[in-house]
C-alpha atoms as a PDB file:
ATOM      1  CA  UNK A   1     -14.554  19.987  42.992  1.00  0.00           C
ATOM      2  CA  UNK A   2     -13.551  16.836  44.609  1.00  0.00           C
ATOM      3  CA  UNK A   3     -15.738  13.768  44.561  1.00  0.00           C
ATOM      4  CA  UNK A   4     -17.652  14.891  41.444  1.00  0.00           C
ATOM      5  CA  UNK A   5     -17.829  12.377  38.651  1.00  0.00           C
ATOM      6  CA  UNK A   6     -16.141  13.488  35.538  1.00  0.00           C
ATOM      7  CA  UNK A   7     -16.875  12.234  32.089  1.00  0.00           C
ATOM      8  CA  UNK A   8     -13.926  10.269  30.707  1.00  0.00           C
ATOM      9  CA  UNK A   9     -12.167  11.992  27.855  1.00  0.00           C
ATOM     10  CA  UNK A  10     -12.941  10.502  24.436  1.00  0.00           C
ATOM     11  CA  UNK A  11     -10.180   9.975  22.008  1.00  0.00           C
ATOM     12  CA  UNK A  12     -10.651  11.617  18.659  1.00  0.00           C
ATOM     13  CA  UNK A  13     -10.758   8.407  16.640  1.00  0.00           C
ATOM     14  CA  UNK A  14     -13.150   6.378  18.799  1.00  0.00           C
ATOM     15  CA  UNK A  15     -16.282   7.629  17.004  1.00  0.00           C
ATOM     16  CA  UNK A  16     -14.853   6.697  13.622  1.00  0.00           C
ATOM     17  CA  UNK A  17     -13.650   3.358  14.922  1.00  0.00           C
ATOM     18  CA  UNK A  18     -17.149   2.501  16.155  1.00  0.00           C
ATOM     19  CA  UNK A  19     -18.690   3.630  12.894  1.00  0.00           C
ATOM     20  CA  UNK A  20     -16.139   1.583  10.946  1.00  0.00           C
ATOM     21  CA  UNK A  21     -16.933  -1.527  12.975  1.00  0.00           C
ATOM     22  CA  UNK A  22     -20.671  -1.039  12.368  1.00  0.00           C
ATOM     23  CA  UNK A  23     -20.073  -0.592   8.628  1.00  0.00           C
ATOM     24  CA  UNK A  24     -17.837  -3.664   8.417  1.00  0.00           C
ATOM     25  CA  UNK A  25     -20.358  -5.736  10.363  1.00  0.00           C
ATOM     26  CA  UNK A  26     -23.231  -4.517   8.145  1.00  0.00           C
ATOM     27  CA  UNK A  27     -21.266  -5.192   4.973  1.00  0.00           C
ATOM     28  CA  UNK A  28     -20.387  -8.706   6.135  1.00  0.00           C
ATOM     29  CA  UNK A  29     -24.061  -9.393   6.880  1.00  0.00           C
ATOM     30  CA  UNK A  30     -25.006  -8.125   3.436  1.00  0.00           C
ATOM     31  CA  UNK A  31     -22.386 -10.246   1.683  1.00  0.00           C
ATOM     32  CA  UNK A  32     -23.212 -13.222   3.859  1.00  0.00           C
ATOM     33  CA  UNK A  33     -26.890 -12.733   3.064  1.00  0.00           C
ATOM     34  CA  UNK A  34     -26.195 -12.731  -0.674  1.00  0.00           C
ATOM     35  CA  UNK A  35     -24.039 -15.828  -0.250  1.00  0.00           C
ATOM     36  CA  UNK A  36     -26.859 -17.512   1.679  1.00  0.00           C
ATOM     37  CA  UNK A  37     -29.382 -16.575  -1.024  1.00  0.00           C
ATOM     38  CA  UNK A  38     -27.002 -18.059  -3.610  1.00  0.00           C
ATOM     39  CA  UNK A  39     -26.726 -21.292  -1.651  1.00  0.00           C
ATOM     40  CA  UNK A  40     -30.473 -21.549  -1.106  1.00  0.00           C
ATOM     41  CA  UNK A  41     -31.257 -20.590  -4.712  1.00  0.00           C
ATOM     42  CA  UNK A  42     -28.778 -23.078  -6.194  1.00  0.00           C
ATOM     43  CA  UNK A  43     -30.804 -25.976  -7.573  1.00  0.00           C
ATOM     44  CA  UNK A  44     -30.171 -29.414  -6.194  1.00  0.00           C
ATOM     45  CA  UNK A  45     -28.221 -31.567  -8.636  1.00  0.00           C
ATOM     46  CA  UNK A  46     -30.206 -34.441 -10.120  1.00  0.00           C
ATOM     47  CA  UNK A  47     -30.156 -37.469  -7.849  1.00  0.00           C
ATOM     48  CA  UNK A  48     -31.296 -41.096  -8.097  1.00  0.00           C
ATOM     49  CA  UNK A  49     -35.056 -41.154  -8.628  1.00  0.00           C
ATOM     50  CA  UNK A  50     -35.044 -37.906 -10.632  1.00  0.00           C
ATOM     51  CA  UNK A  51     -35.683 -37.666 -14.350  1.00  0.00           C
ATOM     52  CA  UNK A  52     -32.346 -37.000 -16.089  1.00  0.00           C
ATOM     53  CA  UNK A  53     -32.207 -33.504 -17.605  1.00  0.00           C
ATOM     54  CA  UNK A  54     -31.796 -33.417 -21.379  1.00  0.00           C
ATOM     55  CA  UNK A  55     -28.275 -33.387 -22.718  1.00  0.00           C
ATOM     56  CA  UNK A  56     -27.783 -31.891 -26.190  1.00  0.00           C
ATOM     57  CA  UNK A  57     -24.119 -31.267 -26.943  1.00  0.00           C
ATOM     58  CA  UNK A  58     -21.781 -31.297 -29.923  1.00  0.00           C
ATOM     59  CA  UNK A  59     -19.410 -34.241 -30.170  1.00  0.00           C
ATOM     60  CA  UNK A  60     -15.651 -33.955 -30.577  1.00  0.00           C
ATOM     61  CA  UNK A  61     -15.916 -35.558 -34.018  1.00  0.00           C
ATOM     62  CA  UNK A  62     -18.841 -33.431 -35.241  1.00  0.00           C
ATOM     63  CA  UNK A  63     -22.601 -33.622 -34.977  1.00  0.00           C
ATOM     64  CA  UNK A  64     -24.809 -33.372 -31.915  1.00  0.00           C
ATOM     65  CA  UNK A  65     -25.696 -36.069 -29.416  1.00  0.00           C
ATOM     66  CA  UNK A  66     -28.848 -35.983 -27.298  1.00  0.00           C
ATOM     67  CA  UNK A  67     -29.677 -38.034 -24.241  1.00  0.00           C
ATOM     68  CA  UNK A  68     -33.260 -38.390 -25.505  1.00  0.00           C
ATOM     69  CA  UNK A  69     -31.929 -40.268 -28.579  1.00  0.00           C
ATOM     70  CA  UNK A  70     -31.165 -43.152 -26.241  1.00  0.00           C
ATOM     71  CA  UNK A  71     -34.583 -43.493 -24.615  1.00  0.00           C
ATOM     72  CA  UNK A  72     -35.234 -47.225 -24.324  1.00  0.00           C
ATOM     73  CA  UNK A  73     -31.561 -47.924 -23.604  1.00  0.00           C
ATOM     74  CA  UNK A  74     -29.639 -47.898 -20.366  1.00  0.00           C
ATOM     75  CA  UNK A  75     -27.280 -44.898 -20.400  1.00  0.00           C
ATOM     76  CA  UNK A  76     -23.992 -44.371 -18.598  1.00  0.00           C
ATOM     77  CA  UNK A  77     -23.311 -40.624 -18.586  1.00  0.00           C
ATOM     78  CA  UNK A  78     -19.786 -39.826 -17.423  1.00  0.00           C
ATOM     79  CA  UNK A  79     -18.307 -36.349 -16.960  1.00  0.00           C
ATOM     80  CA  UNK A  80     -14.531 -36.432 -17.453  1.00  0.00           C
ATOM     81  CA  UNK A  81     -11.695 -33.940 -17.117  1.00  0.00           C
ATOM     82  CA  UNK A  82      -9.520 -34.061 -20.224  1.00  0.00           C
ATOM     83  CA  UNK A  83      -7.855 -30.791 -19.207  1.00  0.00           C
ATOM     84  CA  UNK A  84      -6.053 -32.154 -16.171  1.00  0.00           C
ATOM     85  CA  UNK A  85      -2.278 -32.361 -16.460  1.00  0.00           C
ATOM     86  CA  UNK A  86      -0.883 -35.533 -18.020  1.00  0.00           C
ATOM     87  CA  UNK A  87       0.417 -37.180 -14.862  1.00  0.00           C
ATOM     88  CA  UNK A  88      -1.942 -35.715 -12.276  1.00  0.00           C
ATOM     89  CA  UNK A  89      -4.287 -37.707 -10.097  1.00  0.00           C
ATOM     90  CA  UNK A  90      -7.259 -36.232 -12.004  1.00  0.00           C
ATOM     91  CA  UNK A  91      -5.744 -37.414 -15.298  1.00  0.00           C
ATOM     92  CA  UNK A  92      -5.235 -40.885 -13.833  1.00  0.00           C
ATOM     93  CA  UNK A  93      -8.879 -40.987 -12.699  1.00  0.00           C
ATOM     94  CA  UNK A  94     -10.045 -39.910 -16.163  1.00  0.00           C
ATOM     95  CA  UNK A  95      -7.895 -42.537 -17.896  1.00  0.00           C
ATOM     96  CA  UNK A  96      -9.044 -45.194 -15.429  1.00  0.00           C
ATOM     97  CA  UNK A  97     -12.676 -44.246 -15.982  1.00  0.00           C
ATOM     98  CA  UNK A  98     -12.214 -44.449 -19.767  1.00  0.00           C
ATOM     99  CA  UNK A  99     -10.637 -47.912 -19.537  1.00  0.00           C
ATOM    100  CA  UNK A 100     -13.572 -49.100 -17.458  1.00  0.00           C
ATOM    101  CA  UNK A 101     -16.148 -47.543 -19.824  1.00  0.00           C
ATOM    102  CA  UNK A 102     -14.448 -49.101 -22.855  1.00  0.00           C
ATOM    103  CA  UNK A 103     -14.534 -52.498 -21.120  1.00  0.00           C
ATOM    104  CA  UNK A 104     -18.219 -52.024 -20.304  1.00  0.00           C
ATOM    105  CA  UNK A 105     -18.911 -51.078 -23.936  1.00  0.00           C
ATOM    106  CA  UNK A 106     -17.079 -54.154 -25.224  1.00  0.00           C
ATOM    107  CA  UNK A 107     -18.803 -56.553 -22.817  1.00  0.00           C
ATOM    108  CA  UNK A 108     -22.266 -55.214 -23.665  1.00  0.00           C
ATOM    109  CA  UNK A 109     -21.831 -54.369 -27.355  1.00  0.00           C
ATOM    110  CA  UNK A 110     -25.109 -56.139 -28.289  1.00  0.00           C
ATOM    111  CA  UNK A 111     -27.115 -54.815 -25.331  1.00  0.00           C
ATOM    112  CA  UNK A 112     -29.349 -51.711 -25.300  1.00  0.00           C
ATOM    113  CA  UNK A 113     -26.598 -49.717 -23.572  1.00  0.00           C
ATOM    114  CA  UNK A 114     -25.338 -46.243 -24.500  1.00  0.00           C
ATOM    115  CA  UNK A 115     -22.223 -44.701 -23.034  1.00  0.00           C
ATOM    116  CA  UNK A 116     -21.894 -40.930 -23.266  1.00  0.00           C
ATOM    117  CA  UNK A 117     -18.834 -39.085 -22.016  1.00  0.00           C
ATOM    118  CA  UNK A 118     -18.807 -35.333 -21.494  1.00  0.00           C
ATOM    119  CA  UNK A 119     -15.582 -33.342 -21.473  1.00  0.00           C
ATOM    120  CA  UNK A 120     -16.044 -31.137 -18.413  1.00  0.00           C
ATOM    121  CA  UNK A 121     -12.458 -29.884 -18.589  1.00  0.00           C
ATOM    122  CA  UNK A 122     -13.573 -26.288 -18.151  1.00  0.00           C
ATOM    123  CA  UNK A 123     -13.717 -27.124 -14.442  1.00  0.00           C
ATOM    124  CA  UNK A 124      -9.905 -27.129 -14.386  1.00  0.00           C
ATOM    125  CA  UNK A 125      -8.334 -26.173 -17.705  1.00  0.00           C
ATOM    126  CA  UNK A 126     -10.053 -25.893 -21.111  1.00  0.00           C
ATOM    127  CA  UNK A 127      -9.026 -28.255 -23.912  1.00  0.00           C
ATOM    128  CA  UNK A 128      -8.698 -27.293 -27.571  1.00  0.00           C
ATOM    129  CA  UNK A 129     -10.977 -28.949 -30.129  1.00  0.00           C
ATOM    130  CA  UNK A 130      -8.089 -30.652 -31.966  1.00  0.00           C
ATOM    131  CA  UNK A 131      -6.848 -32.101 -28.666  1.00  0.00           C
ATOM    132  CA  UNK A 132     -10.299 -33.656 -28.098  1.00  0.00           C
ATOM    133  CA  UNK A 133     -10.263 -35.175 -31.593  1.00  0.00           C
ATOM    134  CA  UNK A 134      -6.799 -36.607 -30.966  1.00  0.00           C
ATOM    135  CA  UNK A 135      -7.919 -37.877 -27.557  1.00  0.00           C
ATOM    136  CA  UNK A 136     -10.832 -39.716 -29.188  1.00  0.00           C
ATOM    137  CA  UNK A 137      -8.544 -41.452 -31.671  1.00  0.00           C
ATOM    138  CA  UNK A 138      -5.588 -41.996 -29.303  1.00  0.00           C
ATOM    139  CA  UNK A 139      -7.836 -43.734 -26.767  1.00  0.00           C
ATOM    140  CA  UNK A 140      -9.879 -45.498 -29.477  1.00  0.00           C
ATOM    141  CA  UNK A 141     -13.171 -44.398 -27.991  1.00  0.00           C
ATOM    142  CA  UNK A 142     -16.133 -46.401 -29.273  1.00  0.00           C
ATOM    143  CA  UNK A 143     -18.647 -44.000 -27.719  1.00  0.00           C
ATOM    144  CA  UNK A 144     -19.159 -40.270 -28.227  1.00  0.00           C
ATOM    145  CA  UNK A 145     -17.114 -37.632 -26.434  1.00  0.00           C
ATOM    146  CA  UNK A 146     -19.420 -34.643 -25.930  1.00  0.00           C
ATOM    147  CA  UNK A 147     -18.106 -31.102 -25.648  1.00  0.00           C
ATOM    148  CA  UNK A 148     -19.456 -28.796 -22.912  1.00  0.00           C
ATOM    149  CA  UNK A 149     -17.248 -25.698 -23.296  1.00  0.00           C
ATOM    150  CA  UNK A 150     -19.764 -23.424 -21.544  1.00  0.00           C
ATOM    151  CA  UNK A 151     -20.231 -25.996 -18.736  1.00  0.00           C
ATOM    152  CA  UNK A 152     -24.015 -25.510 -18.839  1.00  0.00           C
ATOM    153  CA  UNK A 153     -24.780 -29.227 -18.838  1.00  0.00           C
ATOM    154  CA  UNK A 154     -22.001 -29.881 -16.342  1.00  0.00           C
ATOM    155  CA  UNK A 155     -23.507 -27.318 -13.955  1.00  0.00           C
ATOM    156  CA  UNK A 156     -27.084 -28.531 -14.580  1.00  0.00           C
ATOM    157  CA  UNK A 157     -25.944 -31.957 -13.424  1.00  0.00           C
ATOM    158  CA  UNK A 158     -24.181 -30.445 -10.390  1.00  0.00           C
ATOM    159  CA  UNK A 159     -20.749 -31.722 -11.388  1.00  0.00           C
ATOM    160  CA  UNK A 160     -17.966 -30.070  -9.401  1.00  0.00           C
ATOM    161  CA  UNK A 161     -15.257 -32.692  -9.874  1.00  0.00           C
ATOM    162  CA  UNK A 162     -14.526 -35.273 -12.509  1.00  0.00           C
ATOM    163  CA  UNK A 163     -15.156 -38.045 -13.015  1.00  0.00           C
ATOM    164  CA  UNK A 164     -18.804 -37.920 -12.047  1.00  0.00           C
ATOM    165  CA  UNK A 165     -20.943 -40.693 -13.510  1.00  0.00           C
ATOM    166  CA  UNK A 166     -24.682 -41.248 -13.650  1.00  0.00           C
ATOM    167  CA  UNK A 167     -26.548 -44.425 -14.533  1.00  0.00           C
ATOM    168  CA  UNK A 168     -29.855 -43.727 -16.283  1.00  0.00           C
ATOM    169  CA  UNK A 169     -32.535 -46.371 -16.831  1.00  0.00           C
ATOM    170  CA  UNK A 170     -34.453 -47.042 -20.049  1.00  0.00           C
ATOM    171  CA  UNK A 171     -37.182 -44.564 -19.029  1.00  0.00           C
ATOM    172  CA  UNK A 172     -34.698 -41.711 -18.483  1.00  0.00           C
ATOM    173  CA  UNK A 173     -34.600 -41.888 -14.679  1.00  0.00           C
ATOM    174  CA  UNK A 174     -31.352 -41.589 -12.739  1.00  0.00           C
ATOM    175  CA  UNK A 175     -30.654 -44.816 -10.890  1.00  0.00           C
ATOM    176  CA  UNK A 176     -27.136 -44.226  -9.517  1.00  0.00           C
ATOM    177  CA  UNK A 177     -24.723 -41.316  -9.136  1.00  0.00           C
ATOM    178  CA  UNK A 178     -21.009 -41.659  -8.449  1.00  0.00           C
ATOM    179  CA  UNK A 179     -19.089 -38.510  -7.469  1.00  0.00           C
ATOM    180  CA  UNK A 180     -15.651 -39.984  -8.116  1.00  0.00           C
ATOM    181  CA  UNK A 181     -14.113 -42.740 -10.169  1.00  0.00           C
ATOM    182  CA  UNK A 182     -16.674 -45.510 -10.342  1.00  0.00           C
ATOM    183  CA  UNK A 183     -15.935 -48.869  -8.786  1.00  0.00           C
ATOM    184  CA  UNK A 184     -15.856 -51.231 -11.819  1.00  0.00           C
ATOM    185  CA  UNK A 185     -17.702 -54.090 -10.102  1.00  0.00           C
ATOM    186  CA  UNK A 186     -20.359 -51.729  -8.743  1.00  0.00           C
ATOM    187  CA  UNK A 187     -20.931 -50.191 -12.182  1.00  0.00           C
ATOM    188  CA  UNK A 188     -21.066 -53.586 -13.939  1.00  0.00           C
ATOM    189  CA  UNK A 189     -23.568 -54.998 -11.430  1.00  0.00           C
ATOM    190  CA  UNK A 190     -25.705 -51.854 -11.589  1.00  0.00           C
ATOM    191  CA  UNK A 191     -25.770 -51.900 -15.398  1.00  0.00           C
ATOM    192  CA  UNK A 192     -26.500 -55.656 -15.520  1.00  0.00           C
ATOM    193  CA  UNK A 193     -29.457 -55.165 -13.167  1.00  0.00           C
ATOM    194  CA  UNK A 194     -31.066 -52.742 -15.647  1.00  0.00           C
ATOM    195  CA  UNK A 195     -30.450 -54.677 -18.860  1.00  0.00           C
ATOM    196  CA  UNK A 196     -33.031 -57.168 -20.155  1.00  0.00           C
END
C-alpha cells in the first residue's frame, strides 16, 4: 500500500516520559502553591506607625524584662547577633552597635530613654547562657541583654539579620526601623526628636 499514511511507531518509554513530566509539573505547582501561601500568610513585620508588639523575655542576668514596663519612655530595641564568629563582619556590626548604644545610654542617662538589646543569635549560631553573662560583663552593658532562644520575638518583629533596631516612642509606637547597623548620627537625632 503505497501512499497510505502510517501511524509513526511509538517508543515504549514515551508514555511514561509524558506521565512523568505531568507529575513533575503538578508537583512543582503544588509546592509552589504552598510556598506562595506561606509568603502571603506570613505577617508583615512591624513598621513605623505600628504599635510595637509586646516583648517579654528573660535577661542574661536573670529576671524578665517587658517592653510595656517602659511605657512613657522612648525605647531603642536592638536585635543583635552574639553568636557570630569573633572576627566576622556580623560580629563587627554587633560590637559597633553596642558601642553606639552604650554612648547613647551615657549621653542620655537622665532622660526617659530605655535601651533593650535582644540576643537573636539563633539566626546564625546559638550562644550558651554563661557566654551571654560573660558578654554582659565583658562589654560593661548598662542596659539589659534579653534572651530569645526560641526566636519568637525575633520572628514577630520580622528580624532576619542582625543588627536590626527599632525606635519606639513614649506611647509604644514604632517611629523608625533600621535593618542594618544604625547610623550613629541618624539614631541620635531621631532619639533627640522624641525626648522632652
